[in-house]
Amino acid sequence: MEITLSNIQIIELFFRFCAVGQLGLLIVFLIKKYPLLPLPQIGLIVCLISYILLTTPIENVHFGSLRNILLLGTDLIPLAVLWFTLDKLKINFKLFQQAKWLLLLISMWLLTLMYVFLILKGRSILHDMNHAVGIVVLLWVIYICLSEYIDDLDNRRRNTRLLLVAFCCFYMIGLVSFEFIFQNIRDTTAFGLTNAFIIFLLVSVIASNLLIPRASTLSKNKMLKNSLAPEITKNEDQQTLESVQLTSLKNLMDEGVFLQQELTIGKLANMLALPQHQLRQLINQQLGFSNFSHYLNSYRIPWVCKQLQKNSKKHIPILTLALEAGYGSIAPFNRAFKVQTGLTPKQYRDQF
């Protein structure tokens, strides 16, 4: 059976194949860059390739059994996005080190999806259920990205959060909603071409973010050779400035500013007359804290410990001390205290 395509469909295929080619190069780049195989990134890329190929303007009959594999990969995109998100945003997250019951549940669901798509060819109510699960998973990804966005001190990771939110909100959820609401439009050549062009743009942006920095580094090295002395002077000035900023920050914290409730990175930056991104970089790179809450806890928890050690304050409830230390409620205080001391506040107080 021949495949007949219009000029618009040929252009659409061009954009899709360009996107697939770029994603393939990204897989090669990631394999060479990382000593350990970056499974979350590769898994997401493979799922995206499946979607791009599955939605080409070619009738299903021409795909044969390959269509079922592509359909499976496409429906796994939300789970792949979640895995990628947790791997990128949660420090020391390892999927295969999670609780056994969770790994068993994930394995059972994956096996079920393989049966639905590879054996039943997607003709099951579980196919529709997986769409609903996918929307819930994407909403969870958005929550993960936004819930810790303000607290995150790594500017590059903050940008990743925004990109993931944009990817979920404006493309994936928007696309699914479009297909459900405007089913008579989704199969038109105009929609297919627009969709292919958007995919091409998104993939190009991702590829640029990963590959261009290498060229920038080479350019900087070349400039360094041409102007070594001025660059050294600039670095020394930067180090001096950061030293002054760190001293100002330390003095402010020693004065007890950390005891303020609802103290944010923005408020602290205003006190220091610094841009927020610069203060984040300072605390992250110079002091080694990944988020602002951990930095505040490094001052608040020792302060509470000193209060718990005093006999004159035995009568003061722990909740009162937590509020005086700047916490808005007892739950986050208890968690932070247990992480930092290995004891509950009551256990710690009973030692003295």
Protein backbone atom coordinates (compact mmCIF):
# COMPACT_ATOMS: atom_id res chain seq x y z
CA MET A 1 0.00 0.00 0.00
CA GLU A 2 1.43 3.36 -1.07
CA ILE A 3 1.87 6.32 1.26
CA THR A 4 0.48 9.51 -0.26
CA LEU A 5 1.36 12.82 1.37
CA SER A 6 0.48 16.42 0.61
CA ASN A 7 3.09 19.17 0.50
CA ILE A 8 2.05 20.35 3.98
CA GLN A 9 2.40 16.83 5.35
CA ILE A 10 5.87 16.53 3.83
CA ILE A 11 6.89 19.76 5.59
CA GLU A 12 5.41 18.38 8.80
CA LEU A 13 7.51 15.21 8.43
CA PHE A 14 10.59 17.37 7.88
CA PHE A 15 10.08 19.16 11.23
CA ARG A 16 9.35 15.88 13.02
CA PHE A 17 12.40 14.09 11.65
CA CYS A 18 14.61 17.08 12.47
CA ALA A 19 13.33 16.93 16.04
CA VAL A 20 13.94 13.17 16.23
CA GLY A 21 17.46 13.67 14.86
CA GLN A 22 18.25 16.28 17.49
CA LEU A 23 16.90 14.05 20.27
CA GLY A 24 19.01 11.19 18.99
CA LEU A 25 22.10 13.39 19.13
CA LEU A 26 21.17 14.37 22.68
CA ILE A 27 21.16 10.71 23.68
CA VAL A 28 24.67 10.30 22.26
CA PHE A 29 25.77 13.50 24.02
CA LEU A 30 24.37 12.35 27.39
CA ILE A 31 25.97 8.90 27.12
CA LYS A 32 29.38 10.47 26.43
CA LYS A 33 29.01 13.19 29.05
CA TYR A 34 28.03 11.08 32.06
CA PRO A 35 30.08 8.11 33.35
CA LEU A 36 26.88 6.47 34.59
CA LEU A 37 24.03 6.00 32.12
CA PRO A 38 21.54 8.88 32.72
CA LEU A 39 18.42 6.71 32.57
CA PRO A 40 15.85 9.42 33.50
CA GLN A 41 17.01 11.71 30.69
CA ILE A 42 17.30 8.93 28.12
CA GLY A 43 13.94 7.48 29.13
CA LEU A 44 12.22 10.83 28.64
CA ILE A 45 13.90 11.38 25.28
CA VAL A 46 12.87 7.91 24.03
CA CYS A 47 9.26 8.58 25.08
CA LEU A 48 9.28 11.92 23.27
CA ILE A 49 10.65 10.28 20.14
CA SER A 50 7.82 7.74 20.37
CA TYR A 51 5.22 10.51 20.49
CA ILE A 52 6.80 12.43 17.59
CA LEU A 53 6.83 9.33 15.37
CA LEU A 54 3.40 8.10 16.43
CA THR A 55 1.71 11.38 15.47
CA THR A 56 3.22 11.60 11.98
CA PRO A 57 0.70 12.06 9.12
CA ILE A 58 0.95 8.39 8.15
CA GLU A 59 -1.92 5.93 8.51
CA ASN A 60 -1.62 3.42 11.35
CA VAL A 61 -1.61 0.44 9.01
CA HIS A 62 1.83 1.41 7.71
CA PHE A 63 3.36 1.20 11.20
CA GLY A 64 2.51 -2.45 11.76
CA SER A 65 3.43 -3.78 15.21
CA LEU A 66 5.75 -0.79 15.71
CA ARG A 67 2.68 1.36 16.39
CA ASN A 68 1.98 -0.50 19.63
CA ILE A 69 5.52 0.15 20.87
CA LEU A 70 5.27 3.83 19.96
CA LEU A 71 1.87 4.06 21.66
CA LEU A 72 3.33 2.58 24.84
CA GLY A 73 6.24 5.02 24.80
CA THR A 74 3.86 7.95 24.24
CA ASP A 75 1.63 7.01 27.18
CA LEU A 76 4.67 6.68 29.43
CA ILE A 77 5.66 10.34 28.89
CA PRO A 78 4.05 11.61 32.14
CA LEU A 79 5.84 8.98 34.21
CA ALA A 80 9.09 9.74 32.39
CA VAL A 81 8.64 13.46 33.11
CA LEU A 82 8.05 12.67 36.80
CA TRP A 83 11.18 10.50 36.99
CA PHE A 84 13.23 13.19 35.25
CA THR A 85 11.82 15.86 37.61
CA LEU A 86 12.62 13.93 40.78
CA ASP A 87 16.10 13.09 39.50
CA LYS A 88 16.84 16.73 38.65
CA LEU A 89 15.23 18.51 41.58
CA LYS A 90 15.51 16.13 44.53
CA ILE A 91 19.06 15.87 45.81
CA ASN A 92 20.35 12.29 46.03
CA PHE A 93 17.11 10.87 44.62
CA LYS A 94 17.57 7.34 43.25
CA LEU A 95 14.54 5.51 41.89
CA PHE A 96 15.94 2.04 42.56
CA GLN A 97 16.68 2.93 46.19
CA GLN A 98 13.05 3.72 47.01
CA ALA A 99 10.80 1.56 49.20
CA LYS A 100 10.26 -1.97 47.87
CA TRP A 101 6.47 -1.64 47.94
CA LEU A 102 6.70 1.47 45.74
CA LEU A 103 9.01 -0.23 43.25
CA LEU A 104 6.66 -3.22 43.18
CA LEU A 105 3.67 -0.96 42.51
CA ILE A 106 5.48 0.83 39.68
CA SER A 107 6.58 -2.48 38.16
CA MET A 108 3.04 -3.87 38.25
CA TRP A 109 1.65 -0.76 36.56
CA LEU A 110 4.34 -0.86 33.86
CA LEU A 111 3.64 -4.54 33.19
CA THR A 112 -0.08 -3.75 32.97
CA LEU A 113 0.59 -1.00 30.42
CA MET A 114 2.81 -3.31 28.39
CA TYR A 115 -0.04 -5.83 28.26
CA VAL A 116 -2.57 -3.13 27.32
CA PHE A 117 -0.51 -1.64 24.49
CA LEU A 118 1.59 -4.53 23.19
CA ILE A 119 -1.03 -7.28 23.44
CA LEU A 120 -4.40 -5.50 23.46
CA LYS A 121 -3.09 -2.76 21.13
CA GLY A 122 -4.46 -0.06 23.42
CA ARG A 123 -8.06 -1.23 23.13
CA SER A 124 -8.87 -1.23 26.83
CA ILE A 125 -10.46 1.03 29.41
CA LEU A 126 -7.04 1.01 31.10
CA HIS A 127 -5.83 3.13 28.18
CA ASP A 128 -8.25 5.90 29.16
CA MET A 129 -7.41 5.39 32.82
CA ASN A 130 -3.75 5.93 32.03
CA HIS A 131 -4.61 9.27 30.41
CA ALA A 132 -6.25 10.33 33.67
CA VAL A 133 -3.24 9.07 35.65
CA GLY A 134 -0.99 11.02 33.29
CA ILE A 135 -2.82 14.29 33.99
CA VAL A 136 -2.56 13.69 37.75
CA VAL A 137 1.16 12.92 37.42
CA LEU A 138 1.77 16.10 35.41
CA LEU A 139 -0.09 18.17 38.00
CA TRP A 140 2.12 16.56 40.64
CA VAL A 141 5.20 17.55 38.62
CA ILE A 142 3.95 21.14 38.52
CA TYR A 143 3.45 21.08 42.29
CA ILE A 144 6.96 19.71 42.88
CA CYS A 145 8.46 22.42 40.67
CA LEU A 146 6.54 25.35 42.15
CA SER A 147 6.36 24.35 45.82
CA GLU A 148 10.11 24.79 46.34
CA TYR A 149 10.80 27.34 43.60
CA ILE A 150 11.17 30.38 45.88
CA ASP A 151 13.21 28.40 48.43
CA ASP A 152 15.62 26.99 45.84
CA LEU A 153 19.06 28.66 45.89
CA ASP A 154 20.41 27.07 42.69
CA ASN A 155 19.55 29.49 39.86
CA ARG A 156 20.06 26.85 37.17
CA ARG A 157 17.76 24.42 38.96
CA ARG A 158 15.18 27.20 39.33
CA ASN A 159 15.23 27.65 35.56
CA THR A 160 14.74 23.91 35.15
CA ARG A 161 11.65 24.12 37.37
CA LEU A 162 10.16 26.82 35.17
CA LEU A 163 10.93 24.90 31.99
CA LEU A 164 9.25 21.79 33.37
CA VAL A 165 6.17 23.76 34.43
CA ALA A 166 5.96 25.38 31.00
CA PHE A 167 6.40 21.99 29.33
CA CYS A 168 3.57 20.45 31.39
CA CYS A 169 1.18 23.41 31.37
CA PHE A 170 1.48 24.94 27.95
CA TYR A 171 2.23 21.89 25.87
CA MET A 172 1.33 18.52 27.32
CA ILE A 173 -1.79 19.39 29.36
CA GLY A 174 -2.81 21.94 26.73
CA LEU A 175 -2.37 19.42 23.95
CA VAL A 176 -4.36 16.71 25.73
CA SER A 177 -7.16 19.17 26.48
CA PHE A 178 -7.13 20.33 22.86
CA GLU A 179 -7.48 16.80 21.58
CA PHE A 180 -10.38 16.01 23.92
CA ILE A 181 -12.28 19.24 23.22
CA PHE A 182 -11.51 19.74 19.52
CA GLN A 183 -11.33 16.17 18.25
CA ASN A 184 -12.52 17.23 14.78
CA ILE A 185 -9.52 19.56 14.40
CA ARG A 186 -6.70 17.39 15.73
CA ASP A 187 -6.49 15.28 12.55
CA THR A 188 -6.29 18.24 10.16
CA THR A 189 -3.07 18.99 8.30
CA ALA A 190 -2.93 22.52 9.77
CA PHE A 191 -2.97 21.18 13.32
CA GLY A 192 -0.41 18.51 12.48
CA LEU A 193 1.98 21.06 10.94
CA THR A 194 1.56 23.47 13.88
CA ASN A 195 2.13 20.67 16.37
CA ALA A 196 5.24 19.49 14.51
CA PHE A 197 6.67 23.01 14.38
CA ILE A 198 6.13 23.54 18.13
CA ILE A 199 7.84 20.20 18.82
CA PHE A 200 10.76 21.23 16.62
CA LEU A 201 11.13 24.56 18.46
CA LEU A 202 10.97 22.93 21.91
CA VAL A 203 13.56 20.32 21.00
CA SER A 204 15.81 22.97 19.46
CA VAL A 205 15.70 25.02 22.68
CA ILE A 206 16.56 21.97 24.78
CA ALA A 207 19.41 20.99 22.45
CA SER A 208 20.77 24.54 22.47
CA ASN A 209 20.77 24.71 26.27
CA LEU A 210 22.83 21.52 26.46
CA LEU A 211 25.23 22.01 23.56
CA ILE A 212 25.84 25.77 23.28
CA PRO A 213 27.46 26.16 26.74
CA ARG A 214 30.32 23.99 25.51
CA ALA A 215 30.99 26.46 22.70
CA SER A 216 30.71 29.35 25.16
CA THR A 217 33.31 27.73 27.38
CA LEU A 218 35.71 27.39 24.45
CA SER A 219 35.14 31.04 23.59
CA LYS A 220 35.83 32.11 27.18
CA ASN A 221 39.04 30.06 27.25
CA LYS A 222 40.18 31.76 24.07
CA MET A 223 39.47 35.19 25.51
CA LEU A 224 41.31 34.20 28.67
CA LYS A 225 44.48 33.53 26.72
CA ASN A 226 44.24 36.92 25.04
CA SER A 227 43.69 38.90 28.26
CA LEU A 228 45.00 36.88 31.19
CA ALA A 229 46.06 39.74 33.46
CA PRO A 230 42.76 41.68 33.32
CA GLU A 231 40.86 38.47 33.94
CA ILE A 232 42.92 37.71 37.05
CA THR A 233 42.27 41.22 38.35
CA LYS A 234 38.55 40.79 37.70
CA ASN A 235 38.50 37.47 39.59
CA GLU A 236 40.31 39.03 42.54
CA ASP A 237 37.82 41.90 42.62
CA GLN A 238 34.95 39.41 42.50
CA GLN A 239 36.41 37.39 45.37
CA THR A 240 36.87 40.55 47.42
CA LEU A 241 33.28 41.61 46.75
CA GLU A 242 31.93 38.19 47.71
CA SER A 243 34.02 38.25 50.90
CA VAL A 244 32.49 41.60 51.86
CA GLN A 245 28.99 40.33 51.05
CA LEU A 246 29.52 37.16 53.10
CA THR A 247 30.73 39.23 56.06
CA SER A 248 27.65 41.47 55.83
CA LEU A 249 25.40 38.42 55.62
CA LYS A 250 27.05 36.77 58.62
CA ASN A 251 26.81 39.92 60.70
CA LEU A 252 23.13 40.29 59.87
CA MET A 253 22.38 36.69 60.82
CA ASP A 254 24.43 36.98 64.03
CA GLU A 255 22.25 39.92 64.98
CA GLY A 256 19.29 37.55 64.98
CA VAL A 257 17.49 38.44 61.76
CA PHE A 258 16.84 34.71 61.26
CA LEU A 259 14.32 34.87 64.14
CA GLN A 260 11.89 36.84 62.00
CA GLN A 261 8.83 34.87 60.97
CA GLU A 262 8.18 34.56 57.23
CA LEU A 263 11.73 35.65 56.46
CA THR A 264 12.25 35.13 52.72
CA ILE A 265 15.25 35.33 50.45
CA GLY A 266 13.73 38.49 48.99
CA LYS A 267 13.47 40.23 52.37
CA LEU A 268 17.00 39.24 53.28
CA ALA A 269 18.30 40.46 49.91
CA ASN A 270 16.62 43.83 50.49
CA MET A 271 18.30 44.14 53.89
CA LEU A 272 21.67 43.53 52.24
CA ALA A 273 20.87 45.70 49.20
CA LEU A 274 21.61 42.75 46.91
CA PRO A 275 19.69 41.29 43.95
CA GLN A 276 17.90 38.07 44.92
CA HIS A 277 19.72 35.94 42.34
CA GLN A 278 23.07 37.21 43.62
CA LEU A 279 22.23 36.35 47.23
CA ARG A 280 21.03 32.89 46.16
CA GLN A 281 24.29 32.31 44.32
CA LEU A 282 26.28 33.53 47.32
CA ILE A 283 24.58 31.19 49.82
CA ASN A 284 24.57 28.28 47.39
CA GLN A 285 28.10 28.44 46.01
CA GLN A 286 29.99 29.98 48.93
CA LEU A 287 28.16 28.41 51.88
CA GLY A 288 26.99 25.17 50.23
CA PHE A 289 23.24 25.30 50.99
CA SER A 290 20.82 23.98 48.37
CA ASN A 291 17.75 25.85 49.60
CA PHE A 292 16.96 28.80 51.82
CA SER A 293 15.14 26.80 54.51
CA HIS A 294 18.21 24.68 55.17
CA TYR A 295 20.27 27.85 55.53
CA LEU A 296 17.81 29.33 58.05
CA ASN A 297 17.67 26.03 59.94
CA SER A 298 21.44 26.16 60.40
CA TYR A 299 20.85 29.21 62.61
CA ARG A 300 17.40 28.54 64.04
CA ILE A 301 17.92 25.00 65.33
CA PRO A 302 21.14 25.83 67.28
CA TRP A 303 19.32 28.85 68.77
CA VAL A 304 16.44 26.64 69.94
CA CYS A 305 18.93 24.09 71.32
CA LYS A 306 20.47 26.80 73.51
CA GLN A 307 17.02 27.73 74.83
CA LEU A 308 16.20 24.08 75.58
CA GLN A 309 19.39 23.74 77.59
CA LYS A 310 18.50 26.61 79.95
CA ASN A 311 16.87 25.65 83.26
CA SER A 312 15.23 29.07 83.39
CA LYS A 313 13.22 28.20 80.27
CA LYS A 314 12.07 24.70 81.24
CA HIS A 315 8.53 26.01 81.69
CA ILE A 316 8.32 27.50 78.18
CA PRO A 317 6.45 25.20 75.74
CA ILE A 318 8.43 23.91 72.77
CA LEU A 319 5.84 25.41 70.42
CA THR A 320 6.53 28.87 71.87
CA LEU A 321 10.26 28.45 71.29
CA ALA A 322 9.61 27.28 67.73
CA LEU A 323 7.51 30.37 67.03
CA GLU A 324 10.15 32.61 68.60
CA ALA A 325 12.75 31.01 66.32
CA GLY A 326 10.78 32.11 63.26
CA TYR A 327 8.82 28.95 62.42
CA GLY A 328 5.20 29.39 61.43
CA SER A 329 4.06 26.04 62.85
CA ILE A 330 5.37 23.11 64.86
CA ALA A 331 5.50 20.48 62.08
CA PRO A 332 8.32 21.95 59.94
CA PHE A 333 10.23 22.79 63.12
CA ASN A 334 10.01 19.20 64.40
CA ARG A 335 11.19 17.83 61.05
CA ALA A 336 14.12 20.23 60.83
CA PHE A 337 15.10 19.60 64.46
CA LYS A 338 15.07 15.80 64.02
CA VAL A 339 17.12 16.02 60.82
CA GLN A 340 19.77 18.27 62.39
CA THR A 341 20.06 16.72 65.87
CA GLY A 342 18.73 13.19 65.45
CA LEU A 343 16.36 13.78 68.37
CA THR A 344 12.94 15.26 68.94
CA PRO A 345 12.87 18.63 70.78
CA LYS A 346 11.44 16.89 73.90
CA GLN A 347 14.15 14.22 73.84
CA TYR A 348 16.79 16.91 73.50
CA ARG A 349 15.39 18.96 76.42
CA ASP A 350 15.15 15.89 78.68
CA GLN A 351 18.94 15.47 78.45
CA PHE A 352 19.48 18.59 80.57
